[in-house]
N, C-alpha and C. Protein backbone atom coordinates (compact mmCIF):
# COMPACT_ATOMS: atom_id res chain seq x y z
N MET A 1 -5.48 8.83 12.41
CA MET A 1 -4.34 9.30 13.18
C MET A 1 -3.17 9.47 12.27
N ALA A 2 -2.53 10.57 12.27
CA ALA A 2 -1.41 10.83 11.40
C ALA A 2 -0.20 10.12 11.86
N SER A 3 0.66 9.71 10.93
CA SER A 3 1.86 8.98 11.32
C SER A 3 2.80 10.02 11.97
N GLY A 4 3.75 9.51 12.66
CA GLY A 4 4.77 10.42 13.31
C GLY A 4 5.38 9.68 14.49
N SER A 5 5.88 10.40 15.50
CA SER A 5 6.56 9.83 16.59
C SER A 5 5.61 8.90 17.44
N THR A 6 4.31 9.25 17.55
CA THR A 6 3.40 8.43 18.33
C THR A 6 3.08 7.14 17.57
N ASP A 7 3.38 7.07 16.30
CA ASP A 7 3.09 5.90 15.49
C ASP A 7 4.11 4.77 15.81
N ARG A 8 5.33 5.14 16.20
CA ARG A 8 6.38 4.14 16.49
C ARG A 8 6.20 3.71 17.96
N VAL A 9 6.20 2.42 18.16
CA VAL A 9 6.01 1.85 19.49
C VAL A 9 7.11 0.92 19.88
N ASP A 10 7.34 0.77 21.17
CA ASP A 10 8.29 -0.15 21.74
C ASP A 10 7.59 -1.53 21.93
N CYS A 11 7.92 -2.47 21.11
CA CYS A 11 7.25 -3.75 21.08
C CYS A 11 7.41 -4.54 22.39
N ALA A 12 8.63 -4.52 22.95
CA ALA A 12 8.91 -5.33 24.14
C ALA A 12 8.06 -4.77 25.32
N ARG A 13 7.99 -3.43 25.47
CA ARG A 13 7.22 -2.84 26.54
C ARG A 13 5.73 -3.14 26.37
N LEU A 14 5.21 -2.98 25.12
CA LEU A 14 3.83 -3.28 24.96
C LEU A 14 3.46 -4.77 25.15
N ALA A 15 4.41 -5.64 24.78
CA ALA A 15 4.20 -7.10 25.03
C ALA A 15 4.18 -7.39 26.53
N GLU A 16 5.07 -6.74 27.26
CA GLU A 16 5.09 -6.93 28.74
C GLU A 16 3.75 -6.50 29.36
N ASP A 17 3.19 -5.43 28.84
CA ASP A 17 1.94 -4.94 29.38
C ASP A 17 0.71 -5.58 28.76
N ALA A 18 0.93 -6.48 27.75
CA ALA A 18 -0.19 -7.11 27.02
C ALA A 18 -1.16 -6.02 26.47
N ALA A 19 -0.58 -4.98 25.97
CA ALA A 19 -1.38 -3.85 25.48
C ALA A 19 -2.15 -4.17 24.22
N VAL A 20 -3.33 -3.53 24.12
CA VAL A 20 -4.12 -3.63 22.91
C VAL A 20 -4.35 -2.19 22.43
N LEU A 21 -3.93 -1.94 21.18
CA LEU A 21 -4.09 -0.56 20.60
C LEU A 21 -4.98 -0.69 19.36
N GLU A 22 -5.74 0.36 19.15
CA GLU A 22 -6.59 0.49 17.94
C GLU A 22 -6.26 1.72 17.24
N ARG A 23 -6.13 1.68 15.95
CA ARG A 23 -5.87 2.88 15.17
C ARG A 23 -6.72 2.87 13.91
N VAL A 24 -6.96 4.06 13.39
CA VAL A 24 -7.59 4.22 12.07
C VAL A 24 -6.68 5.07 11.22
N TYR A 25 -6.31 4.58 10.04
CA TYR A 25 -5.46 5.26 9.11
C TYR A 25 -6.22 5.54 7.82
N ALA A 26 -6.05 6.69 7.25
CA ALA A 26 -6.61 6.98 5.94
C ALA A 26 -5.80 6.17 4.95
N LEU A 27 -6.49 5.71 3.91
CA LEU A 27 -5.83 4.92 2.84
C LEU A 27 -4.83 5.76 2.10
N SER A 28 -5.00 7.05 2.09
CA SER A 28 -4.08 8.00 1.44
C SER A 28 -2.72 8.05 2.21
N GLU A 29 -2.69 7.58 3.48
CA GLU A 29 -1.48 7.61 4.25
C GLU A 29 -0.58 6.36 4.03
N LEU A 30 -1.09 5.45 3.20
CA LEU A 30 -0.39 4.13 3.00
C LEU A 30 0.23 4.13 1.60
N PRO A 31 1.52 4.55 1.54
CA PRO A 31 2.17 4.72 0.20
C PRO A 31 2.25 3.48 -0.66
N ARG A 32 2.51 2.31 -0.10
CA ARG A 32 2.63 1.09 -0.89
C ARG A 32 1.35 0.64 -1.45
N LEU A 33 0.22 1.18 -0.97
CA LEU A 33 -1.14 0.75 -1.45
C LEU A 33 -1.63 1.56 -2.62
N GLN A 34 -1.03 2.74 -2.84
CA GLN A 34 -1.58 3.73 -3.77
C GLN A 34 -1.74 3.21 -5.24
N ASP A 35 -0.81 2.41 -5.67
CA ASP A 35 -0.89 1.95 -7.09
C ASP A 35 -2.03 0.95 -7.33
N LEU A 36 -2.57 0.40 -6.24
CA LEU A 36 -3.65 -0.59 -6.34
C LEU A 36 -5.02 0.06 -6.29
N LEU A 37 -5.11 1.29 -5.81
CA LEU A 37 -6.37 1.91 -5.55
C LEU A 37 -6.94 2.71 -6.73
N ALA A 38 -8.28 2.58 -6.86
CA ALA A 38 -8.97 3.42 -7.85
C ALA A 38 -9.03 4.83 -7.35
N ASP A 39 -9.17 5.03 -6.06
CA ASP A 39 -9.07 6.29 -5.40
C ASP A 39 -8.74 6.08 -3.96
N ALA A 40 -8.12 7.07 -3.31
CA ALA A 40 -7.55 6.89 -1.98
C ALA A 40 -8.55 7.28 -0.84
N ARG A 41 -9.81 7.37 -1.17
CA ARG A 41 -10.79 7.68 -0.14
C ARG A 41 -10.97 6.41 0.76
N GLY A 42 -11.27 6.65 2.00
CA GLY A 42 -11.57 5.52 2.88
C GLY A 42 -10.48 5.39 3.92
N SER A 43 -10.65 4.40 4.75
CA SER A 43 -9.70 4.17 5.81
C SER A 43 -9.59 2.69 6.16
N VAL A 44 -8.55 2.39 6.95
CA VAL A 44 -8.34 1.03 7.43
C VAL A 44 -8.38 1.13 8.94
N ARG A 45 -9.15 0.24 9.53
CA ARG A 45 -9.19 0.14 11.01
C ARG A 45 -8.31 -1.02 11.39
N ALA A 46 -7.38 -0.75 12.29
CA ALA A 46 -6.36 -1.76 12.71
C ALA A 46 -6.43 -1.96 14.21
N ARG A 47 -6.16 -3.17 14.63
CA ARG A 47 -6.15 -3.59 16.03
C ARG A 47 -4.90 -4.31 16.25
N PHE A 48 -4.14 -3.98 17.28
CA PHE A 48 -2.81 -4.58 17.59
C PHE A 48 -2.93 -5.10 19.03
N ALA A 49 -2.87 -6.41 19.20
CA ALA A 49 -2.93 -7.02 20.54
C ALA A 49 -1.52 -7.62 20.79
N PHE A 50 -0.68 -6.92 21.60
CA PHE A 50 0.63 -7.37 21.91
C PHE A 50 0.65 -8.40 22.99
N SER A 51 1.65 -9.34 22.91
CA SER A 51 1.77 -10.39 23.89
C SER A 51 3.23 -10.86 23.99
N LYS A 52 3.48 -11.47 25.10
CA LYS A 52 4.84 -12.04 25.34
C LYS A 52 4.75 -13.51 24.83
N LEU A 53 5.67 -13.87 23.96
CA LEU A 53 5.71 -15.20 23.38
C LEU A 53 6.73 -16.07 24.12
N GLU A 54 6.86 -17.32 23.75
CA GLU A 54 7.84 -18.20 24.31
C GLU A 54 9.29 -17.62 24.12
N ALA A 55 10.18 -17.96 24.97
CA ALA A 55 11.57 -17.48 24.90
C ALA A 55 11.65 -15.95 25.03
N GLY A 56 10.62 -15.33 25.62
CA GLY A 56 10.68 -13.88 25.94
C GLY A 56 10.49 -12.98 24.77
N ARG A 57 10.15 -13.51 23.61
CA ARG A 57 9.99 -12.68 22.44
C ARG A 57 8.67 -11.88 22.49
N ALA A 58 8.64 -10.75 21.78
CA ALA A 58 7.42 -9.97 21.72
C ALA A 58 6.68 -10.38 20.47
N GLY A 59 5.38 -10.34 20.60
CA GLY A 59 4.53 -10.74 19.38
C GLY A 59 3.27 -9.89 19.45
N ALA A 60 2.49 -10.01 18.38
CA ALA A 60 1.21 -9.25 18.31
C ALA A 60 0.25 -9.97 17.35
N MET A 61 -1.02 -9.83 17.67
CA MET A 61 -2.06 -10.20 16.72
C MET A 61 -2.46 -8.87 16.01
N VAL A 62 -2.27 -8.83 14.72
CA VAL A 62 -2.60 -7.66 13.93
C VAL A 62 -3.86 -7.94 13.09
N ALA A 63 -4.88 -7.16 13.27
CA ALA A 63 -6.14 -7.34 12.55
C ALA A 63 -6.53 -6.03 11.83
N VAL A 64 -6.97 -6.15 10.61
CA VAL A 64 -7.39 -4.95 9.84
C VAL A 64 -8.74 -5.20 9.20
N GLN A 65 -9.48 -4.07 9.05
CA GLN A 65 -10.72 -4.04 8.35
C GLN A 65 -10.70 -2.83 7.49
N ALA A 66 -11.07 -3.02 6.18
CA ALA A 66 -11.12 -1.89 5.25
C ALA A 66 -12.05 -2.26 4.08
N ALA A 67 -12.37 -1.23 3.30
CA ALA A 67 -13.12 -1.48 2.06
C ALA A 67 -12.54 -0.57 0.97
N PRO A 68 -11.31 -0.89 0.56
CA PRO A 68 -10.66 -0.03 -0.47
C PRO A 68 -11.35 -0.14 -1.81
N ARG A 69 -11.26 0.87 -2.58
CA ARG A 69 -11.75 0.89 -4.03
C ARG A 69 -10.51 0.52 -4.82
N LEU A 70 -10.59 -0.68 -5.40
CA LEU A 70 -9.50 -1.16 -6.23
C LEU A 70 -9.82 -1.02 -7.71
N VAL A 71 -8.82 -1.25 -8.56
CA VAL A 71 -9.06 -1.14 -9.99
C VAL A 71 -9.20 -2.60 -10.54
N CYS A 72 -10.38 -2.91 -11.13
CA CYS A 72 -10.59 -4.24 -11.69
C CYS A 72 -9.65 -4.43 -12.90
N GLN A 73 -8.95 -5.51 -12.92
CA GLN A 73 -8.00 -5.75 -14.04
C GLN A 73 -8.69 -6.26 -15.33
N ARG A 74 -10.00 -6.55 -15.22
CA ARG A 74 -10.71 -6.91 -16.48
C ARG A 74 -11.30 -5.68 -17.16
N CYS A 75 -11.97 -4.81 -16.40
CA CYS A 75 -12.67 -3.69 -16.99
C CYS A 75 -11.98 -2.34 -16.69
N LEU A 76 -11.00 -2.32 -15.81
CA LEU A 76 -10.25 -1.16 -15.44
C LEU A 76 -11.13 -0.10 -14.72
N GLN A 77 -12.25 -0.55 -14.17
CA GLN A 77 -13.13 0.30 -13.42
C GLN A 77 -12.87 0.09 -11.92
N GLY A 78 -13.25 1.06 -11.13
CA GLY A 78 -13.07 0.96 -9.65
C GLY A 78 -14.23 0.16 -9.08
N PHE A 79 -13.91 -0.66 -8.06
CA PHE A 79 -14.91 -1.43 -7.30
C PHE A 79 -14.47 -1.49 -5.84
N GLU A 80 -15.41 -1.63 -4.97
CA GLU A 80 -15.12 -1.73 -3.54
C GLU A 80 -14.98 -3.16 -3.14
N LEU A 81 -13.93 -3.41 -2.42
CA LEU A 81 -13.63 -4.82 -1.94
C LEU A 81 -13.54 -4.81 -0.43
N PRO A 82 -14.54 -5.25 0.30
CA PRO A 82 -14.45 -5.34 1.75
C PRO A 82 -13.37 -6.41 2.16
N VAL A 83 -12.49 -6.00 3.06
CA VAL A 83 -11.37 -6.85 3.47
C VAL A 83 -11.34 -6.94 4.99
N THR A 84 -11.20 -8.13 5.51
CA THR A 84 -10.96 -8.37 6.94
C THR A 84 -9.89 -9.37 7.00
N SER A 85 -8.85 -9.12 7.78
CA SER A 85 -7.73 -10.03 7.86
C SER A 85 -7.02 -9.91 9.21
N ASP A 86 -6.41 -11.01 9.66
CA ASP A 86 -5.55 -10.96 10.88
C ASP A 86 -4.43 -11.93 10.74
N SER A 87 -3.35 -11.58 11.37
CA SER A 87 -2.12 -12.39 11.37
C SER A 87 -1.46 -12.29 12.74
N GLU A 88 -0.77 -13.39 13.07
CA GLU A 88 -0.01 -13.42 14.33
C GLU A 88 1.45 -13.07 13.95
N ILE A 89 1.98 -12.06 14.56
CA ILE A 89 3.32 -11.55 14.22
C ILE A 89 4.29 -11.85 15.36
N GLU A 90 5.51 -12.18 14.98
CA GLU A 90 6.60 -12.35 15.96
C GLU A 90 7.67 -11.31 15.58
N PHE A 91 8.09 -10.49 16.53
CA PHE A 91 9.04 -9.48 16.32
C PHE A 91 10.44 -10.01 16.50
N ALA A 92 11.44 -9.55 15.62
CA ALA A 92 12.80 -9.90 15.71
C ALA A 92 13.68 -8.69 15.50
N MET A 93 14.83 -8.68 16.08
CA MET A 93 15.76 -7.53 15.97
C MET A 93 16.50 -7.61 14.64
N SER A 94 16.80 -8.84 14.15
CA SER A 94 17.53 -9.02 12.90
C SER A 94 17.20 -10.31 12.21
N GLU A 95 17.65 -10.55 11.03
CA GLU A 95 17.40 -11.79 10.34
C GLU A 95 18.01 -12.98 11.08
N ALA A 96 19.19 -12.76 11.67
CA ALA A 96 19.88 -13.83 12.42
C ALA A 96 19.06 -14.21 13.69
N ASP A 97 18.26 -13.31 14.17
CA ASP A 97 17.49 -13.54 15.34
C ASP A 97 16.17 -14.28 15.13
N THR A 98 15.87 -14.55 13.86
CA THR A 98 14.60 -15.23 13.54
C THR A 98 14.68 -16.72 13.69
N SER A 99 13.51 -17.29 13.98
CA SER A 99 13.41 -18.75 14.08
C SER A 99 12.85 -19.29 12.82
N VAL A 100 13.53 -20.25 12.21
CA VAL A 100 13.10 -20.82 10.92
C VAL A 100 11.79 -21.55 11.06
N ASP A 101 11.54 -22.20 12.14
CA ASP A 101 10.30 -23.02 12.29
C ASP A 101 9.22 -22.28 13.04
N SER A 102 9.23 -21.00 13.08
CA SER A 102 8.21 -20.25 13.79
C SER A 102 6.86 -20.36 13.06
N PRO A 103 5.77 -20.60 13.77
CA PRO A 103 4.48 -20.66 13.11
C PRO A 103 3.89 -19.28 12.77
N ARG A 104 4.60 -18.21 13.18
CA ARG A 104 4.06 -16.87 12.97
C ARG A 104 4.90 -16.16 11.92
N GLU A 105 4.28 -15.05 11.38
CA GLU A 105 4.99 -14.18 10.50
C GLU A 105 6.11 -13.47 11.29
N ILE A 106 7.28 -13.29 10.71
CA ILE A 106 8.37 -12.58 11.37
C ILE A 106 8.39 -11.16 10.83
N TYR A 107 8.47 -10.21 11.78
CA TYR A 107 8.54 -8.77 11.39
C TYR A 107 9.77 -8.18 12.04
N LEU A 108 10.64 -7.65 11.24
CA LEU A 108 11.86 -7.07 11.80
C LEU A 108 11.65 -5.70 12.38
N MET A 109 12.11 -5.47 13.58
CA MET A 109 12.02 -4.19 14.29
C MET A 109 13.17 -3.27 13.86
N ASP A 110 12.95 -2.03 14.09
CA ASP A 110 13.98 -1.00 13.86
C ASP A 110 14.35 -0.46 15.21
N GLU A 111 15.48 -0.93 15.76
CA GLU A 111 15.96 -0.54 17.07
C GLU A 111 14.94 -0.78 18.18
N GLY A 112 14.24 -1.90 18.06
CA GLY A 112 13.30 -2.33 19.12
C GLY A 112 11.93 -1.73 18.99
N SER A 113 11.65 -0.99 17.90
CA SER A 113 10.33 -0.43 17.72
C SER A 113 9.83 -0.70 16.30
N VAL A 114 8.52 -0.50 16.13
CA VAL A 114 7.89 -0.68 14.82
C VAL A 114 6.91 0.45 14.62
N SER A 115 6.53 0.69 13.40
CA SER A 115 5.52 1.63 13.04
C SER A 115 4.22 0.93 12.98
N LEU A 116 3.21 1.32 13.70
CA LEU A 116 1.91 0.71 13.67
C LEU A 116 1.27 0.86 12.28
N ARG A 117 1.46 2.00 11.67
CA ARG A 117 0.92 2.28 10.32
C ARG A 117 1.51 1.28 9.33
N ASP A 118 2.85 1.02 9.41
CA ASP A 118 3.48 0.09 8.51
C ASP A 118 2.93 -1.32 8.72
N LEU A 119 2.74 -1.70 9.99
CA LEU A 119 2.13 -3.00 10.30
C LEU A 119 0.73 -3.16 9.66
N ALA A 120 -0.06 -2.13 9.83
CA ALA A 120 -1.45 -2.13 9.30
C ALA A 120 -1.38 -2.20 7.77
N GLU A 121 -0.50 -1.44 7.15
CA GLU A 121 -0.37 -1.45 5.69
C GLU A 121 0.08 -2.80 5.20
N GLU A 122 1.02 -3.39 5.87
CA GLU A 122 1.51 -4.73 5.46
C GLU A 122 0.40 -5.80 5.58
N GLU A 123 -0.35 -5.73 6.64
CA GLU A 123 -1.48 -6.70 6.77
C GLU A 123 -2.54 -6.52 5.70
N LEU A 124 -2.83 -5.26 5.39
CA LEU A 124 -3.83 -4.97 4.34
C LEU A 124 -3.32 -5.40 2.96
N LEU A 125 -2.08 -5.17 2.65
CA LEU A 125 -1.51 -5.60 1.39
C LEU A 125 -1.55 -7.13 1.28
N LEU A 126 -1.28 -7.85 2.35
CA LEU A 126 -1.31 -9.30 2.34
C LEU A 126 -2.72 -9.82 2.12
N ALA A 127 -3.75 -9.02 2.56
CA ALA A 127 -5.14 -9.46 2.42
C ALA A 127 -5.72 -9.24 1.04
N LEU A 128 -5.13 -8.34 0.30
CA LEU A 128 -5.69 -8.04 -1.01
C LEU A 128 -5.33 -9.08 -2.05
N PRO A 129 -6.18 -9.31 -3.04
CA PRO A 129 -5.88 -10.29 -4.05
C PRO A 129 -4.71 -9.84 -4.97
N ALA A 130 -3.95 -10.84 -5.53
CA ALA A 130 -2.87 -10.52 -6.36
C ALA A 130 -3.33 -9.80 -7.65
N ILE A 131 -4.51 -10.27 -8.16
CA ILE A 131 -5.15 -9.65 -9.30
C ILE A 131 -6.56 -9.29 -8.98
N ALA A 132 -6.81 -7.99 -8.83
CA ALA A 132 -8.11 -7.52 -8.42
C ALA A 132 -9.10 -7.60 -9.60
N SER A 133 -10.30 -8.14 -9.32
CA SER A 133 -11.32 -8.18 -10.38
C SER A 133 -12.72 -8.13 -9.74
N CYS A 134 -13.68 -7.57 -10.50
CA CYS A 134 -15.01 -7.50 -9.96
C CYS A 134 -15.47 -8.88 -9.61
N SER A 135 -16.54 -9.01 -8.83
CA SER A 135 -16.97 -10.27 -8.28
C SER A 135 -17.39 -11.30 -9.37
N THR A 136 -18.06 -10.88 -10.43
CA THR A 136 -18.42 -11.78 -11.51
C THR A 136 -18.28 -11.08 -12.79
N PRO A 137 -18.02 -11.78 -13.88
CA PRO A 137 -17.84 -11.12 -15.23
C PRO A 137 -19.11 -10.35 -15.64
N GLU A 138 -20.34 -10.83 -15.22
CA GLU A 138 -21.57 -10.21 -15.58
C GLU A 138 -21.73 -8.84 -14.91
N ALA A 139 -21.11 -8.70 -13.73
CA ALA A 139 -21.18 -7.46 -12.99
C ALA A 139 -20.04 -6.49 -13.36
N CYS A 140 -19.14 -6.98 -14.14
CA CYS A 140 -17.96 -6.21 -14.48
C CYS A 140 -18.38 -5.05 -15.39
N GLY A 141 -17.77 -3.94 -15.21
CA GLY A 141 -18.16 -2.66 -15.95
C GLY A 141 -18.17 -2.77 -17.45
N ARG A 142 -17.23 -3.55 -18.03
CA ARG A 142 -17.15 -3.63 -19.46
C ARG A 142 -17.26 -5.05 -20.00
N ALA A 143 -17.71 -5.95 -19.21
CA ALA A 143 -17.85 -7.31 -19.69
C ALA A 143 -18.88 -7.35 -20.78
N PRO A 144 -18.52 -7.92 -21.96
CA PRO A 144 -19.48 -7.95 -23.08
C PRO A 144 -20.61 -8.88 -22.77
N SER A 145 -21.81 -8.53 -23.20
CA SER A 145 -22.96 -9.43 -23.01
C SER A 145 -22.85 -10.49 -24.07
N SER A 146 -23.64 -11.55 -23.96
CA SER A 146 -23.57 -12.64 -24.87
C SER A 146 -23.94 -12.18 -26.32
N GLU A 147 -24.76 -11.12 -26.46
CA GLU A 147 -25.08 -10.64 -27.83
C GLU A 147 -23.92 -9.83 -28.36
N GLU A 148 -23.14 -9.24 -27.53
CA GLU A 148 -22.01 -8.35 -27.99
C GLU A 148 -20.75 -9.16 -28.33
N ARG A 149 -20.66 -10.36 -27.86
CA ARG A 149 -19.46 -11.17 -28.08
C ARG A 149 -19.18 -11.34 -29.57
N GLN A 150 -17.97 -11.08 -29.98
CA GLN A 150 -17.67 -11.33 -31.39
C GLN A 150 -16.89 -12.61 -31.49
N ARG A 151 -17.12 -13.26 -32.57
CA ARG A 151 -16.43 -14.50 -32.81
C ARG A 151 -15.43 -14.25 -33.91
N PRO A 152 -14.16 -14.12 -33.60
CA PRO A 152 -13.15 -13.71 -34.62
C PRO A 152 -13.01 -14.67 -35.77
N PHE A 153 -13.33 -15.92 -35.63
CA PHE A 153 -13.17 -16.92 -36.65
C PHE A 153 -14.49 -17.26 -37.33
N SER A 154 -15.53 -16.48 -37.10
CA SER A 154 -16.83 -16.81 -37.68
C SER A 154 -16.77 -16.68 -39.23
N VAL A 155 -15.95 -15.78 -39.71
CA VAL A 155 -15.81 -15.64 -41.15
C VAL A 155 -15.19 -16.88 -41.75
N LEU A 156 -14.24 -17.49 -41.09
CA LEU A 156 -13.65 -18.71 -41.57
C LEU A 156 -14.72 -19.81 -41.60
N GLN A 157 -15.59 -19.89 -40.66
CA GLN A 157 -16.61 -20.90 -40.62
C GLN A 157 -17.53 -20.72 -41.88
N ASP A 158 -17.86 -19.50 -42.20
CA ASP A 158 -18.65 -19.25 -43.40
C ASP A 158 -17.88 -19.66 -44.65
N LEU A 159 -16.63 -19.42 -44.72
CA LEU A 159 -15.82 -19.83 -45.90
C LEU A 159 -15.75 -21.35 -46.02
N LEU A 160 -15.67 -22.05 -44.90
CA LEU A 160 -15.67 -23.52 -44.95
C LEU A 160 -16.97 -24.06 -45.49
N LYS A 161 -18.02 -23.43 -45.14
CA LYS A 161 -19.41 -23.89 -45.56
C LYS A 161 -19.52 -23.73 -47.07
N LYS A 162 -18.87 -22.74 -47.66
CA LYS A 162 -18.95 -22.48 -49.10
C LYS A 162 -18.14 -23.44 -49.90
N THR A 163 -17.15 -24.08 -49.33
CA THR A 163 -16.31 -25.00 -50.13
C THR A 163 -16.77 -26.38 -50.07
């Protein structure tokens, strides 16, 4: 679904209705994710379950599923990383309106509404590792095998043996 006016929703109204929305966004539509991707093919499936919280606040359970192709920081090759994540969000109008001891993530609304695409992107970014790397060094695209490993100080060892 393309972003636009239908992407922005009224949190309070959806919380009153206990609405559940599902969206699918192309990874290419998520600008903050682009620098982490090996390529922008694929999509993220997002589910938003809105609810009324204590003190009349609006909240939502945001869940995402995706398999983005990230760039391994060891071999600089692309690899697919299946990701599933969910967070409980509490919406606030301003920083002053936030509760310090809230057990939920606080998300600031823009005039009472939020972008579902931005929520999905935020959840996906939080689910990704700080440093992406292939699952094991042996599976890594350029990890040297034990025969290829060079020992930079092996020449010094040979010199020590000669003295």
